[in-house]
Amino acid sequence: MKVIDRKIREALREDIGSGDITSQKVVRPNTKALGVIFAKERGILCGIDIACRVFEICDPNLRFDKKLYDGGEVDYGTTVATVTGSARSILKAERVALNFIQQLSGIATLTRRFVDLVAGTGVVILDTRKTHPGLRELEKYAVKVGGGENHRMGLDRMVLIKDNHISVGGGIDAVIRRMKGEWFEIEVKNLHELKLAVELGAHRVMLDNFPLGEIKKAVKLYKGRVELEVSGGVTLENVRSIAETGVDYISIGALTHSARAIDFSLTLKPIERRR
């Protein structure tokens, strides 16, 4: 929570700066209001607790009521939360809260589309490290909300030998022998490299940008002997065909680097004082 709070505070500082000069000029300090956060298109909600925390940090006296939880389906007009209290405070927190919900819901929605397309095949949809700087933890959380799973969180979590490691490390044979029996994954470009990796003891092999026909050959030759992961060139149009080959994992960078935000809005109305 401390890490998330720090990111929220940074986002609020970025947006508010020295103060919301518009609200200070046109909204009276004692004005109370009710804000309704709602979806403007179909998608999977993600980030509602982050939004709640944005309002809490901005003003602890605000009341935030969740109407839907992460993973829930939304459509145009679906109310996901209400917030009550100082109108000025709500206006200060509004944009940051919506930005978090929109971005994370976009990732969760795109992930769900991929997951639904491979349903019944047994394949696991994975994300990658292609995340926006500083937002990896949140974006990978959104992938899980959408039904996918996380690949390594960072370089310190798992050995994944990629093409540049092989290039500067002396070749596949040399880099694998340095592993000395430890668990690792290695990226390969063709069936020849795959054969060598399996023979040298790879535990998981990433088939990088393999054509569909080569993926099928890889599965026929090595299914059960090594975990097989497909990466590169995966789209909504071809993911089902790839999954049906029998591979174990499909990793998709687009889940986090290219997901389109889902549109949410907040409407604000004054709360009339009782006379």
Protein backbone atom coordinates (compact mmCIF):
# COMPACT_ATOMS: atom_id res chain seq x y z
CA MET A 1 0.00 0.00 0.00
CA LYS A 2 2.87 2.39 0.71
CA VAL A 3 4.11 2.04 -2.89
CA ILE A 4 0.63 2.63 -4.30
CA ASP A 5 0.08 5.62 -2.01
CA ARG A 6 3.34 7.14 -3.21
CA LYS A 7 2.28 6.81 -6.84
CA ILE A 8 -1.10 8.35 -6.04
CA ARG A 9 0.50 11.29 -4.24
CA GLU A 10 2.86 11.83 -7.17
CA ALA A 11 -0.07 11.83 -9.59
CA LEU A 12 -2.02 14.29 -7.44
CA ARG A 13 0.99 16.61 -7.18
CA GLU A 14 1.43 16.44 -10.93
CA ASP A 15 -2.20 17.37 -11.56
CA ILE A 16 -2.92 19.85 -8.75
CA GLY A 17 0.41 21.62 -8.59
CA SER A 18 0.09 24.64 -6.31
CA GLY A 19 -3.72 24.38 -6.28
CA ASP A 20 -6.91 24.03 -8.32
CA ILE A 21 -7.22 27.70 -9.22
CA THR A 22 -10.46 27.25 -11.17
CA SER A 23 -12.36 25.63 -8.29
CA GLN A 24 -10.91 28.15 -5.85
CA LYS A 25 -12.35 30.99 -7.92
CA VAL A 26 -15.78 29.60 -8.85
CA VAL A 27 -16.76 27.05 -6.17
CA ARG A 28 -17.53 28.22 -2.64
CA PRO A 29 -15.41 26.54 0.08
CA ASN A 30 -18.39 25.11 1.97
CA THR A 31 -20.15 23.61 -1.09
CA LYS A 32 -20.98 19.92 -0.65
CA ALA A 33 -21.59 17.68 -3.62
CA LEU A 34 -22.40 14.16 -4.77
CA GLY A 35 -20.19 12.69 -7.48
CA VAL A 36 -21.25 9.68 -9.53
CA ILE A 37 -18.58 7.70 -11.39
CA PHE A 38 -19.95 5.74 -14.33
CA ALA A 39 -18.75 3.85 -17.39
CA LYS A 40 -19.29 5.21 -20.88
CA GLU A 41 -18.64 1.95 -22.72
CA ARG A 42 -18.49 -1.81 -22.22
CA GLY A 43 -15.52 -3.28 -20.39
CA ILE A 44 -14.08 -4.89 -17.27
CA LEU A 45 -13.72 -2.66 -14.23
CA CYS A 46 -10.31 -2.39 -12.62
CA GLY A 47 -8.85 0.15 -10.21
CA ILE A 48 -11.88 0.98 -8.08
CA ASP A 49 -9.88 0.62 -4.85
CA ILE A 50 -7.15 2.84 -6.28
CA ALA A 51 -9.74 5.49 -7.11
CA CYS A 52 -11.11 5.24 -3.58
CA ARG A 53 -7.64 5.81 -2.19
CA VAL A 54 -7.12 8.84 -4.45
CA PHE A 55 -10.13 10.56 -2.90
CA GLU A 56 -9.11 9.50 0.63
CA ILE A 57 -5.62 10.94 0.22
CA CYS A 58 -6.97 14.14 -1.31
CA ASP A 59 -9.49 14.60 1.51
CA PRO A 60 -10.03 12.04 4.31
CA ASN A 61 -13.48 13.52 4.96
CA LEU A 62 -14.83 12.43 1.59
CA ARG A 63 -17.13 9.39 1.57
CA PHE A 64 -16.52 6.90 -1.24
CA ASP A 65 -19.08 4.16 -1.86
CA LYS A 66 -18.24 1.35 -4.27
CA LYS A 67 -21.13 0.01 -6.33
CA LEU A 68 -19.07 -2.53 -8.28
CA TYR A 69 -15.78 -4.32 -7.67
CA ASP A 70 -12.73 -5.06 -9.81
CA GLY A 71 -13.47 -7.75 -12.36
CA GLY A 72 -17.09 -6.69 -12.75
CA GLU A 73 -18.53 -6.05 -16.20
CA VAL A 74 -19.64 -2.52 -17.09
CA ASP A 75 -21.61 -1.01 -19.95
CA TYR A 76 -22.61 2.51 -20.85
CA GLY A 77 -24.18 4.15 -17.82
CA THR A 78 -23.06 1.58 -15.24
CA THR A 79 -22.44 3.37 -11.93
CA VAL A 80 -19.28 2.02 -10.30
CA ALA A 81 -19.01 4.38 -7.31
CA THR A 82 -20.27 7.54 -5.66
CA VAL A 83 -18.29 10.10 -3.68
CA THR A 84 -19.76 12.64 -1.29
CA GLY A 85 -18.29 15.67 0.44
CA SER A 86 -16.44 18.86 -0.36
CA ALA A 87 -17.02 19.82 -3.99
CA ARG A 88 -13.58 21.35 -4.21
CA SER A 89 -11.93 18.17 -2.95
CA ILE A 90 -13.86 15.97 -5.36
CA LEU A 91 -12.85 18.21 -8.25
CA LYS A 92 -9.20 18.03 -7.24
CA ALA A 93 -9.18 14.24 -7.11
CA GLU A 94 -11.51 13.55 -10.04
CA ARG A 95 -9.06 13.41 -12.94
CA VAL A 96 -6.41 11.32 -11.20
CA ALA A 97 -8.99 8.82 -9.96
CA LEU A 98 -10.54 8.48 -13.41
CA ASN A 99 -7.14 8.15 -15.08
CA PHE A 100 -6.28 5.15 -12.91
CA ILE A 101 -9.64 3.48 -13.51
CA GLN A 102 -9.59 4.11 -17.26
CA GLN A 103 -6.06 2.79 -17.84
CA LEU A 104 -6.36 -0.26 -15.60
CA SER A 105 -9.82 -1.14 -16.91
CA GLY A 106 -8.47 -0.96 -20.44
CA ILE A 107 -5.79 -3.53 -19.60
CA ALA A 108 -8.24 -5.80 -17.78
CA THR A 109 -10.70 -5.57 -20.67
CA LEU A 110 -8.16 -6.43 -23.36
CA THR A 111 -6.79 -9.28 -21.25
CA ARG A 112 -10.29 -10.71 -20.79
CA ARG A 113 -10.81 -10.68 -24.55
CA PHE A 114 -7.67 -12.76 -25.08
CA VAL A 115 -8.53 -15.10 -22.22
CA ASP A 116 -12.05 -15.67 -23.54
CA LEU A 117 -10.71 -16.41 -27.03
CA VAL A 118 -8.49 -19.26 -25.77
CA ALA A 119 -11.05 -20.74 -23.38
CA GLY A 120 -10.99 -24.54 -23.30
CA THR A 121 -7.49 -24.91 -24.75
CA GLY A 122 -5.64 -25.01 -21.43
CA VAL A 123 -3.22 -22.28 -22.51
CA VAL A 124 -2.26 -19.55 -20.04
CA ILE A 125 -2.22 -15.92 -21.19
CA LEU A 126 0.80 -14.06 -19.79
CA ASP A 127 1.84 -10.43 -19.69
CA THR A 128 5.39 -9.11 -20.18
CA ARG A 129 7.67 -6.38 -18.78
CA LYS A 130 6.43 -3.98 -21.47
CA THR A 131 4.69 -1.77 -18.93
CA HIS A 132 4.61 1.98 -18.41
CA PRO A 133 7.50 3.12 -16.18
CA GLY A 134 6.50 3.20 -12.53
CA LEU A 135 3.16 1.47 -13.09
CA ARG A 136 4.20 -2.17 -13.48
CA GLU A 137 2.65 -3.43 -10.25
CA LEU A 138 -0.69 -1.83 -11.05
CA GLU A 139 -0.72 -2.86 -14.69
CA LYS A 140 0.17 -6.45 -13.91
CA TYR A 141 -2.59 -6.45 -11.29
CA ALA A 142 -5.00 -5.38 -14.04
CA VAL A 143 -3.88 -8.34 -16.18
CA LYS A 144 -4.81 -10.69 -13.35
CA VAL A 145 -8.18 -8.99 -12.93
CA GLY A 146 -8.76 -9.70 -16.62
CA GLY A 147 -7.99 -13.39 -16.12
CA GLY A 148 -4.39 -13.50 -17.31
CA GLU A 149 -1.30 -14.39 -15.33
CA ASN A 150 1.89 -12.49 -14.65
CA HIS A 151 5.23 -13.33 -16.24
CA ARG A 152 8.21 -12.17 -14.19
CA MET A 153 7.71 -8.90 -12.34
CA GLY A 154 11.31 -7.84 -12.91
CA LEU A 155 14.79 -8.96 -13.86
CA ASP A 156 15.43 -10.29 -10.35
CA ARG A 157 12.46 -12.70 -10.36
CA MET A 158 13.39 -15.27 -13.00
CA VAL A 159 16.14 -16.22 -15.42
CA LEU A 160 14.99 -15.58 -18.97
CA ILE A 161 17.81 -15.84 -21.49
CA LYS A 162 16.97 -13.69 -24.52
CA ASP A 163 18.61 -13.08 -27.87
CA ASN A 164 20.91 -10.33 -26.63
CA HIS A 165 22.15 -12.51 -23.77
CA ILE A 166 22.93 -15.23 -26.29
CA SER A 167 24.65 -12.75 -28.59
CA VAL A 168 27.00 -11.34 -25.97
CA GLY A 169 27.25 -14.53 -23.92
CA GLY A 170 28.88 -16.72 -26.56
CA GLY A 171 25.90 -18.56 -28.02
CA ILE A 172 23.14 -20.86 -26.76
CA ASP A 173 25.48 -23.66 -25.76
CA ALA A 174 27.71 -21.36 -23.68
CA VAL A 175 24.96 -19.49 -21.83
CA ILE A 176 23.01 -22.64 -20.97
CA ARG A 177 26.07 -24.41 -19.60
CA ARG A 178 26.62 -21.49 -17.24
CA MET A 179 23.21 -22.18 -15.68
CA LYS A 180 24.59 -25.40 -14.13
CA GLY A 181 21.20 -27.09 -13.80
CA GLU A 182 19.23 -24.13 -12.40
CA TRP A 183 15.69 -23.46 -13.66
CA PHE A 184 15.60 -21.09 -16.62
CA GLU A 185 13.67 -20.06 -19.70
CA ILE A 186 15.36 -19.31 -23.02
CA GLU A 187 14.20 -17.53 -26.15
CA VAL A 188 14.75 -19.28 -29.50
CA LYS A 189 14.29 -18.11 -33.07
CA ASN A 190 13.89 -21.40 -34.94
CA LEU A 191 13.51 -25.18 -34.59
CA HIS A 192 17.27 -25.73 -34.65
CA GLU A 193 17.76 -23.47 -31.62
CA LEU A 194 14.80 -25.13 -29.95
CA LYS A 195 16.33 -28.58 -30.38
CA LEU A 196 19.62 -27.40 -28.93
CA ALA A 197 17.90 -25.70 -25.98
CA VAL A 198 15.90 -28.82 -25.12
CA GLU A 199 18.92 -31.10 -25.40
CA LEU A 200 20.89 -28.81 -23.09
CA GLY A 201 18.23 -28.89 -20.39
CA ALA A 202 16.00 -25.82 -20.82
CA HIS A 203 12.93 -25.89 -18.60
CA ARG A 204 10.82 -23.49 -20.62
CA VAL A 205 11.41 -22.26 -24.16
CA MET A 206 10.01 -19.07 -25.65
CA LEU A 207 9.20 -19.50 -29.33
CA ASP A 208 9.83 -15.98 -30.54
CA ASN A 209 7.80 -14.93 -33.60
CA PHE A 210 7.46 -18.53 -34.82
CA PRO A 211 5.09 -19.00 -37.78
CA LEU A 212 2.05 -21.13 -36.94
CA GLY A 213 3.39 -24.12 -38.87
CA GLU A 214 6.67 -24.04 -36.91
CA ILE A 215 4.75 -23.79 -33.63
CA LYS A 216 2.84 -26.94 -34.54
CA LYS A 217 6.11 -28.74 -35.30
CA ALA A 218 7.60 -27.60 -32.01
CA VAL A 219 4.60 -28.95 -30.10
CA LYS A 220 4.71 -32.28 -31.95
CA LEU A 221 8.42 -32.69 -31.22
CA TYR A 222 8.74 -31.40 -27.67
CA LYS A 223 5.35 -31.20 -25.93
CA GLY A 224 5.80 -32.73 -22.48
CA ARG A 225 9.59 -32.52 -22.58
CA VAL A 226 9.75 -28.77 -22.03
CA GLU A 227 7.28 -25.96 -21.33
CA LEU A 228 6.49 -24.10 -24.54
CA GLU A 229 5.68 -20.39 -24.63
CA VAL A 230 4.77 -18.41 -27.74
CA SER A 231 5.62 -14.72 -27.91
CA GLY A 232 5.60 -12.12 -30.67
CA GLY A 233 3.00 -11.29 -33.26
CA VAL A 234 0.06 -12.47 -31.16
CA THR A 235 -3.24 -10.75 -31.97
CA LEU A 236 -6.92 -11.18 -31.19
CA GLU A 237 -7.27 -12.63 -34.66
CA ASN A 238 -4.66 -15.39 -34.35
CA VAL A 239 -4.49 -16.19 -30.62
CA ARG A 240 -7.04 -19.01 -30.85
CA SER A 241 -5.14 -20.74 -33.64
CA ILE A 242 -1.92 -20.50 -31.63
CA ALA A 243 -3.59 -21.82 -28.49
CA GLU A 244 -5.03 -24.81 -30.36
CA THR A 245 -1.52 -26.00 -31.28
CA GLY A 246 -1.10 -27.20 -27.70
CA VAL A 247 1.50 -24.73 -26.37
CA ASP A 248 1.49 -24.05 -22.63
CA TYR A 249 1.76 -20.26 -22.54
CA ILE A 250 1.18 -17.26 -24.78
CA SER A 251 2.81 -14.00 -23.67
CA ILE A 252 1.45 -10.74 -25.06
CA GLY A 253 3.15 -7.37 -24.62
CA ALA A 254 0.13 -5.55 -26.03
CA LEU A 255 -1.86 -6.31 -22.88
CA THR A 256 -0.05 -3.49 -21.12
CA HIS A 257 1.66 -1.38 -23.78
CA SER A 258 -1.23 -1.04 -26.23
CA ALA A 259 -4.47 -1.47 -24.30
CA ARG A 260 -7.01 1.24 -25.10
CA ALA A 261 -8.38 2.99 -22.03
CA ILE A 262 -12.03 2.40 -21.15
CA ASP A 263 -13.94 5.66 -20.85
CA PHE A 264 -15.33 6.63 -17.44
CA SER A 265 -16.78 9.91 -16.29
CA LEU A 266 -17.82 11.66 -13.07
CA THR A 267 -20.88 13.88 -12.80
CA LEU A 268 -21.08 16.27 -9.86
CA LYS A 269 -24.21 17.78 -8.34
CA PRO A 270 -24.50 20.08 -5.33
CA ILE A 271 -26.13 18.76 -2.19
CA GLU A 272 -28.79 21.18 -1.06
CA ARG A 273 -28.57 22.27 2.54
CA ARG A 274 -31.54 21.48 4.72
CA ARG A 275 -33.31 24.57 5.90
